[in-house]
Amino acid sequence: MSGFRCQDGRGRAEGRLFLAPDNGLLSLVAARAPDFTACALREDVHRPGVRSATFHGRDVFAHAAALLAAGHPPES
């Protein structure tokens, strides 16, 4: 997967929910929000079916975002 990781893929700060790859982006949020918490995406839940060899936005993040929008807690 050429360095891509989903760990710490979701974070919550000041009542907002963030969904991002583990590429350092959430460190900007964490630096400004003392209540920031992060959790990892679980591959068995958030990667249904065949995964793409290039972009995981469709395969992982779209599915995780849909679950969050449907009311599933980020910790699940």
PDB file of N, CA and C in Angstrom:
ATOM      1  N   MET A   1       0.825  -1.198   0.000  1.00  0.00           N
ATOM      2  CA  MET A   1       0.000   0.000   0.000  1.00  0.00           C
ATOM      3  C   MET A   1       0.860   1.249   0.000  1.00  0.00           C
ATOM      4  N   SER A   2       2.092   1.143  -0.248  1.00  0.00           N
ATOM      5  CA  SER A   2       3.040   2.261  -0.360  1.00  0.00           C
ATOM      6  C   SER A   2       2.961   3.251   0.789  1.00  0.00           C
ATOM      7  N   GLY A   3       3.092   2.752   2.006  1.00  0.00           N
ATOM      8  CA  GLY A   3       3.182   3.630   3.162  1.00  0.00           C
ATOM      9  C   GLY A   3       1.863   4.102   3.729  1.00  0.00           C
ATOM     10  N   PHE A   4       0.763   3.773   3.125  1.00  0.00           N
ATOM     11  CA  PHE A   4      -0.534   4.218   3.627  1.00  0.00           C
ATOM     12  C   PHE A   4      -0.921   3.413   4.857  1.00  0.00           C
ATOM     13  N   ARG A   5      -1.360   4.110   5.893  1.00  0.00           N
ATOM     14  CA  ARG A   5      -1.861   3.442   7.096  1.00  0.00           C
ATOM     15  C   ARG A   5      -3.161   4.106   7.509  1.00  0.00           C
ATOM     16  N   CYS A   6      -4.049   3.337   8.099  1.00  0.00           N
ATOM     17  CA  CYS A   6      -5.315   3.892   8.576  1.00  0.00           C
ATOM     18  C   CYS A   6      -5.298   4.129  10.073  1.00  0.00           C
ATOM     19  N   GLN A   7      -4.236   3.762  10.773  1.00  0.00           N
ATOM     20  CA  GLN A   7      -4.220   3.973  12.211  1.00  0.00           C
ATOM     21  C   GLN A   7      -4.448   5.445  12.526  1.00  0.00           C
ATOM     22  N   ASP A   8      -5.110   5.683  13.656  1.00  0.00           N
ATOM     23  CA  ASP A   8      -5.459   7.039  14.059  1.00  0.00           C
ATOM     24  C   ASP A   8      -6.195   7.770  12.938  1.00  0.00           C
ATOM     25  N   GLY A   9      -7.053   7.047  12.292  1.00  0.00           N
ATOM     26  CA  GLY A   9      -7.760   7.612  11.144  1.00  0.00           C
ATOM     27  C   GLY A   9      -8.936   8.484  11.487  1.00  0.00           C
ATOM     28  N   ARG A  10      -9.460   8.344  12.706  1.00  0.00           N
ATOM     29  CA  ARG A  10     -10.601   9.174  13.085  1.00  0.00           C
ATOM     30  C   ARG A  10     -10.256   9.908  14.357  1.00  0.00           C
ATOM     31  N   GLY A  11     -10.661  11.137  14.442  1.00  0.00           N
ATOM     32  CA  GLY A  11     -10.418  11.904  15.658  1.00  0.00           C
ATOM     33  C   GLY A  11     -11.607  12.779  15.997  1.00  0.00           C
ATOM     34  N   ARG A  12     -11.715  13.098  17.274  1.00  0.00           N
ATOM     35  CA  ARG A  12     -12.809  13.950  17.735  1.00  0.00           C
ATOM     36  C   ARG A  12     -12.189  15.095  18.522  1.00  0.00           C
ATOM     37  N   ALA A  13     -12.640  16.321  18.257  1.00  0.00           N
ATOM     38  CA  ALA A  13     -12.158  17.496  18.983  1.00  0.00           C
ATOM     39  C   ALA A  13     -13.255  18.547  18.996  1.00  0.00           C
ATOM     40  N   GLU A  14     -13.488  19.125  20.165  1.00  0.00           N
ATOM     41  CA  GLU A  14     -14.472  20.200  20.315  1.00  0.00           C
ATOM     42  C   GLU A  14     -15.809  19.841  19.672  1.00  0.00           C
ATOM     43  N   GLY A  15     -16.231  18.599  19.827  1.00  0.00           N
ATOM     44  CA  GLY A  15     -17.512  18.170  19.282  1.00  0.00           C
ATOM     45  C   GLY A  15     -17.511  17.887  17.796  1.00  0.00           C
ATOM     46  N   ARG A  16     -16.378  18.052  17.149  1.00  0.00           N
ATOM     47  CA  ARG A  16     -16.281  17.787  15.712  1.00  0.00           C
ATOM     48  C   ARG A  16     -15.607  16.445  15.499  1.00  0.00           C
ATOM     49  N   LEU A  17     -15.967  15.810  14.405  1.00  0.00           N
ATOM     50  CA  LEU A  17     -15.403  14.510  14.068  1.00  0.00           C
ATOM     51  C   LEU A  17     -14.591  14.651  12.790  1.00  0.00           C
ATOM     52  N   PHE A  18     -13.378  14.141  12.801  1.00  0.00           N
ATOM     53  CA  PHE A  18     -12.480  14.222  11.654  1.00  0.00           C
ATOM     54  C   PHE A  18     -12.171  12.819  11.169  1.00  0.00           C
ATOM     55  N   LEU A  19     -12.105  12.643   9.877  1.00  0.00           N
ATOM     56  CA  LEU A  19     -11.772  11.365   9.261  1.00  0.00           C
ATOM     57  C   LEU A  19     -10.654  11.636   8.269  1.00  0.00           C
ATOM     58  N   ALA A  20      -9.491  11.027   8.493  1.00  0.00           N
ATOM     59  CA  ALA A  20      -8.331  11.323   7.649  1.00  0.00           C
ATOM     60  C   ALA A  20      -7.351  10.164   7.682  1.00  0.00           C
ATOM     61  N   PRO A  21      -6.511  10.047   6.653  1.00  0.00           N
ATOM     62  CA  PRO A  21      -5.460   9.030   6.679  1.00  0.00           C
ATOM     63  C   PRO A  21      -4.383   9.404   7.689  1.00  0.00           C
ATOM     64  N   ASP A  22      -3.590   8.427   8.060  1.00  0.00           N
ATOM     65  CA  ASP A  22      -2.498   8.644   9.006  1.00  0.00           C
ATOM     66  C   ASP A  22      -1.299   9.218   8.256  1.00  0.00           C
ATOM     67  N   ASN A  23      -1.429  10.491   7.859  1.00  0.00           N
ATOM     68  CA  ASN A  23      -0.369  11.146   7.099  1.00  0.00           C
ATOM     69  C   ASN A  23       0.106  12.440   7.763  1.00  0.00           C
ATOM     70  N   GLY A  24      -0.285  12.630   9.028  1.00  0.00           N
ATOM     71  CA  GLY A  24       0.117  13.825   9.751  1.00  0.00           C
ATOM     72  C   GLY A  24      -0.934  14.915   9.781  1.00  0.00           C
ATOM     73  N   LEU A  25      -1.961  14.808   8.965  1.00  0.00           N
ATOM     74  CA  LEU A  25      -2.991  15.840   8.896  1.00  0.00           C
ATOM     75  C   LEU A  25      -3.675  16.058  10.244  1.00  0.00           C
ATOM     76  N   LEU A  26      -4.005  14.989  10.948  1.00  0.00           N
ATOM     77  CA  LEU A  26      -4.697  15.135  12.225  1.00  0.00           C
ATOM     78  C   LEU A  26      -3.801  15.708  13.316  1.00  0.00           C
ATOM     79  N   SER A  27      -2.493  15.708  13.120  1.00  0.00           N
ATOM     80  CA  SER A  27      -1.606  16.313  14.118  1.00  0.00           C
ATOM     81  C   SER A  27      -1.849  17.821  14.208  1.00  0.00           C
ATOM     82  N   LEU A  28      -2.283  18.445  13.115  1.00  0.00           N
ATOM     83  CA  LEU A  28      -2.621  19.871  13.143  1.00  0.00           C
ATOM     84  C   LEU A  28      -3.837  20.117  14.032  1.00  0.00           C
ATOM     85  N   VAL A  29      -4.822  19.239  13.952  1.00  0.00           N
ATOM     86  CA  VAL A  29      -6.007  19.352  14.806  1.00  0.00           C
ATOM     87  C   VAL A  29      -5.617  19.092  16.256  1.00  0.00           C
ATOM     88  N   ALA A  30      -4.844  18.046  16.482  1.00  0.00           N
ATOM     89  CA  ALA A  30      -4.445  17.674  17.845  1.00  0.00           C
ATOM     90  C   ALA A  30      -3.657  18.790  18.522  1.00  0.00           C
ATOM     91  N   ALA A  31      -2.854  19.518  17.766  1.00  0.00           N
ATOM     92  CA  ALA A  31      -2.047  20.597  18.338  1.00  0.00           C
ATOM     93  C   ALA A  31      -2.907  21.770  18.804  1.00  0.00           C
ATOM     94  N   ARG A  32      -4.090  21.919  18.230  1.00  0.00           N
ATOM     95  CA  ARG A  32      -4.949  23.062  18.556  1.00  0.00           C
ATOM     96  C   ARG A  32      -6.143  22.705  19.437  1.00  0.00           C
ATOM     97  N   ALA A  33      -6.362  21.430  19.669  1.00  0.00           N
ATOM     98  CA  ALA A  33      -7.535  21.004  20.441  1.00  0.00           C
ATOM     99  C   ALA A  33      -7.092  20.083  21.575  1.00  0.00           C
ATOM    100  N   PRO A  34      -7.057  20.597  22.801  1.00  0.00           N
ATOM    101  CA  PRO A  34      -6.587  19.776  23.919  1.00  0.00           C
ATOM    102  C   PRO A  34      -7.462  18.559  24.191  1.00  0.00           C
ATOM    103  N   ASP A  35      -8.716  18.573  23.735  1.00  0.00           N
ATOM    104  CA  ASP A  35      -9.595  17.426  23.969  1.00  0.00           C
ATOM    105  C   ASP A  35      -9.586  16.429  22.810  1.00  0.00           C
ATOM    106  N   PHE A  36      -8.624  16.560  21.899  1.00  0.00           N
ATOM    107  CA  PHE A  36      -8.553  15.678  20.736  1.00  0.00           C
ATOM    108  C   PHE A  36      -8.302  14.237  21.165  1.00  0.00           C
ATOM    109  N   THR A  37      -9.093  13.336  20.634  1.00  0.00           N
ATOM    110  CA  THR A  37      -8.859  11.902  20.814  1.00  0.00           C
ATOM    111  C   THR A  37      -8.891  11.259  19.441  1.00  0.00           C
ATOM    112  N   ALA A  38      -8.121  10.214  19.273  1.00  0.00           N
ATOM    113  CA  ALA A  38      -8.057   9.530  17.984  1.00  0.00           C
ATOM    114  C   ALA A  38      -8.314   8.047  18.174  1.00  0.00           C
ATOM    115  N   CYS A  39      -8.827   7.432  17.134  1.00  0.00           N
ATOM    116  CA  CYS A  39      -8.995   5.986  17.134  1.00  0.00           C
ATOM    117  C   CYS A  39      -8.695   5.482  15.724  1.00  0.00           C
ATOM    118  N   ALA A  40      -8.442   4.210  15.616  1.00  0.00           N
ATOM    119  CA  ALA A  40      -8.031   3.621  14.344  1.00  0.00           C
ATOM    120  C   ALA A  40      -9.220   3.020  13.609  1.00  0.00           C
ATOM    121  N   LEU A  41      -9.123   3.008  12.302  1.00  0.00           N
ATOM    122  CA  LEU A  41     -10.106   2.301  11.493  1.00  0.00           C
ATOM    123  C   LEU A  41      -9.781   0.814  11.541  1.00  0.00           C
ATOM    124  N   ARG A  42     -10.789  -0.001  11.711  1.00  0.00           N
ATOM    125  CA  ARG A  42     -10.593  -1.449  11.716  1.00  0.00           C
ATOM    126  C   ARG A  42     -10.808  -1.976  10.308  1.00  0.00           C
ATOM    127  N   GLU A  43      -9.806  -2.671   9.786  1.00  0.00           N
ATOM    128  CA  GLU A  43      -9.909  -3.161   8.415  1.00  0.00           C
ATOM    129  C   GLU A  43     -11.062  -4.133   8.225  1.00  0.00           C
ATOM    130  N   ASP A  44     -11.363  -4.941   9.229  1.00  0.00           N
ATOM    131  CA  ASP A  44     -12.442  -5.914   9.067  1.00  0.00           C
ATOM    132  C   ASP A  44     -13.809  -5.249   8.982  1.00  0.00           C
ATOM    133  N   VAL A  45     -13.933  -4.036   9.476  1.00  0.00           N
ATOM    134  CA  VAL A  45     -15.208  -3.314   9.445  1.00  0.00           C
ATOM    135  C   VAL A  45     -15.233  -2.290   8.321  1.00  0.00           C
ATOM    136  N   HIS A  46     -14.144  -1.581   8.125  1.00  0.00           N
ATOM    137  CA  HIS A  46     -14.126  -0.429   7.223  1.00  0.00           C
ATOM    138  C   HIS A  46     -13.554  -0.706   5.844  1.00  0.00           C
ATOM    139  N   ARG A  47     -13.277  -1.951   5.538  1.00  0.00           N
ATOM    140  CA  ARG A  47     -12.770  -2.258   4.205  1.00  0.00           C
ATOM    141  C   ARG A  47     -13.560  -3.428   3.626  1.00  0.00           C
ATOM    142  N   PRO A  48     -14.805  -3.185   3.260  1.00  0.00           N
ATOM    143  CA  PRO A  48     -15.605  -4.267   2.695  1.00  0.00           C
ATOM    144  C   PRO A  48     -15.196  -4.559   1.258  1.00  0.00           C
ATOM    145  N   GLY A  49     -15.218  -5.796   0.880  1.00  0.00           N
ATOM    146  CA  GLY A  49     -14.950  -6.168  -0.506  1.00  0.00           C
ATOM    147  C   GLY A  49     -13.503  -5.987  -0.919  1.00  0.00           C
ATOM    148  N   VAL A  50     -13.302  -5.826  -2.202  1.00  0.00           N
ATOM    149  CA  VAL A  50     -11.973  -5.704  -2.791  1.00  0.00           C
ATOM    150  C   VAL A  50     -11.466  -4.283  -2.616  1.00  0.00           C
ATOM    151  N   ARG A  51     -10.198  -4.150  -2.268  1.00  0.00           N
ATOM    152  CA  ARG A  51      -9.647  -2.807  -2.089  1.00  0.00           C
ATOM    153  C   ARG A  51      -8.886  -2.359  -3.330  1.00  0.00           C
ATOM    154  N   SER A  52      -8.840  -1.080  -3.510  1.00  0.00           N
ATOM    155  CA  SER A  52      -8.126  -0.471  -4.619  1.00  0.00           C
ATOM    156  C   SER A  52      -6.629  -0.537  -4.363  1.00  0.00           C
ATOM    157  N   ALA A  53      -5.852  -0.614  -5.414  1.00  0.00           N
ATOM    158  CA  ALA A  53      -4.399  -0.621  -5.273  1.00  0.00           C
ATOM    159  C   ALA A  53      -3.837   0.791  -5.157  1.00  0.00           C
ATOM    160  N   THR A  54      -4.666   1.804  -5.375  1.00  0.00           N
ATOM    161  CA  THR A  54      -4.145   3.170  -5.372  1.00  0.00           C
ATOM    162  C   THR A  54      -4.805   4.071  -4.340  1.00  0.00           C
ATOM    163  N   PHE A  55      -6.067   4.402  -4.512  1.00  0.00           N
ATOM    164  CA  PHE A  55      -6.718   5.404  -3.666  1.00  0.00           C
ATOM    165  C   PHE A  55      -7.729   4.748  -2.739  1.00  0.00           C
ATOM    166  N   HIS A  56      -7.608   5.016  -1.438  1.00  0.00           N
ATOM    167  CA  HIS A  56      -8.457   4.362  -0.455  1.00  0.00           C
ATOM    168  C   HIS A  56      -9.662   5.212  -0.058  1.00  0.00           C
ATOM    169  N   GLY A  57      -9.831   6.363  -0.665  1.00  0.00           N
ATOM    170  CA  GLY A  57     -10.968   7.216  -0.347  1.00  0.00           C
ATOM    171  C   GLY A  57     -12.290   6.522  -0.586  1.00  0.00           C
ATOM    172  N   ARG A  58     -12.370   5.789  -1.651  1.00  0.00           N
ATOM    173  CA  ARG A  58     -13.605   5.076  -1.961  1.00  0.00           C
ATOM    174  C   ARG A  58     -13.736   3.817  -1.116  1.00  0.00           C
ATOM    175  N   ASP A  59     -12.675   3.059  -0.995  1.00  0.00           N
ATOM    176  CA  ASP A  59     -12.747   1.743  -0.367  1.00  0.00           C
ATOM    177  C   ASP A  59     -12.809   1.788   1.147  1.00  0.00           C
ATOM    178  N   VAL A  60     -12.124   2.718   1.761  1.00  0.00           N
ATOM    179  CA  VAL A  60     -12.046   2.762   3.217  1.00  0.00           C
ATOM    180  C   VAL A  60     -12.789   3.964   3.772  1.00  0.00           C
ATOM    181  N   PHE A  61     -12.407   5.148   3.366  1.00  0.00           N
ATOM    182  CA  PHE A  61     -12.932   6.355   3.994  1.00  0.00           C
ATOM    183  C   PHE A  61     -14.399   6.621   3.653  1.00  0.00           C
ATOM    184  N   ALA A  62     -14.829   6.333   2.450  1.00  0.00           N
ATOM    185  CA  ALA A  62     -16.242   6.537   2.120  1.00  0.00           C
ATOM    186  C   ALA A  62     -17.119   5.619   2.957  1.00  0.00           C
ATOM    187  N   HIS A  63     -16.697   4.382   3.135  1.00  0.00           N
ATOM    188  CA  HIS A  63     -17.458   3.434   3.949  1.00  0.00           C
ATOM    189  C   HIS A  63     -17.474   3.878   5.408  1.00  0.00           C
ATOM    190  N   ALA A  64     -16.336   4.281   5.941  1.00  0.00           N
ATOM    191  CA  ALA A  64     -16.266   4.748   7.333  1.00  0.00           C
ATOM    192  C   ALA A  64     -17.107   6.008   7.521  1.00  0.00           C
ATOM    193  N   ALA A  65     -17.061   6.929   6.568  1.00  0.00           N
ATOM    194  CA  ALA A  65     -17.850   8.161   6.661  1.00  0.00           C
ATOM    195  C   ALA A  65     -19.345   7.853   6.634  1.00  0.00           C
ATOM    196  N   ALA A  66     -19.743   6.887   5.824  1.00  0.00           N
ATOM    197  CA  ALA A  66     -21.157   6.508   5.771  1.00  0.00           C
ATOM    198  C   ALA A  66     -21.615   5.940   7.108  1.00  0.00           C
ATOM    199  N   LEU A  67     -20.788   5.111   7.733  1.00  0.00           N
ATOM    200  CA  LEU A  67     -21.139   4.565   9.048  1.00  0.00           C
ATOM    201  C   LEU A  67     -21.262   5.677  10.085  1.00  0.00           C
ATOM    202  N   LEU A  68     -20.337   6.620  10.064  1.00  0.00           N
ATOM    203  CA  LEU A  68     -20.394   7.735  11.011  1.00  0.00           C
ATOM    204  C   LEU A  68     -21.640   8.586  10.775  1.00  0.00           C
ATOM    205  N   ALA A  69     -21.952   8.859   9.508  1.00  0.00           N
ATOM    206  CA  ALA A  69     -23.131   9.662   9.180  1.00  0.00           C
ATOM    207  C   ALA A  69     -24.424   8.959   9.585  1.00  0.00           C
ATOM    208  N   ALA A  70     -24.388   7.627   9.603  1.00  0.00           N
ATOM    209  CA  ALA A  70     -25.571   6.851   9.990  1.00  0.00           C
ATOM    210  C   ALA A  70     -25.725   6.753  11.504  1.00  0.00           C
ATOM    211  N   GLY A  71     -24.778   7.351  12.231  1.00  0.00           N
ATOM    212  CA  GLY A  71     -24.904   7.383  13.681  1.00  0.00           C
ATOM    213  C   GLY A  71     -24.083   6.370  14.443  1.00  0.00           C
ATOM    214  N   HIS A  72     -23.275   5.580  13.744  1.00  0.00           N
ATOM    215  CA  HIS A  72     -22.401   4.640  14.444  1.00  0.00           C
ATOM    216  C   HIS A  72     -21.326   5.428  15.190  1.00  0.00           C
ATOM    217  N   PRO A  73     -21.039   5.079  16.427  1.00  0.00           N
ATOM    218  CA  PRO A  73     -20.023   5.829  17.170  1.00  0.00           C
ATOM    219  C   PRO A  73     -18.636   5.597  16.581  1.00  0.00           C
ATOM    220  N   PRO A  74     -17.765   6.595  16.654  1.00  0.00           N
ATOM    221  CA  PRO A  74     -16.422   6.462  16.077  1.00  0.00           C
ATOM    222  C   PRO A  74     -15.623   5.329  16.696  1.00  0.00           C
ATOM    223  N   GLU A  75     -15.919   4.980  17.915  1.00  0.00           N
ATOM    224  CA  GLU A  75     -15.151   3.946  18.592  1.00  0.00           C
ATOM    225  C   GLU A  75     -15.537   2.545  18.139  1.00  0.00           C
ATOM    226  N   SER A  76     -16.622   2.415  17.362  1.00  0.00           N
ATOM    227  CA  SER A  76     -17.063   1.076  16.948  1.00  0.00           C
ATOM    228  C   SER A  76     -16.323   0.600  15.714  1.00  0.00           C
TER     229      SER A  76
END
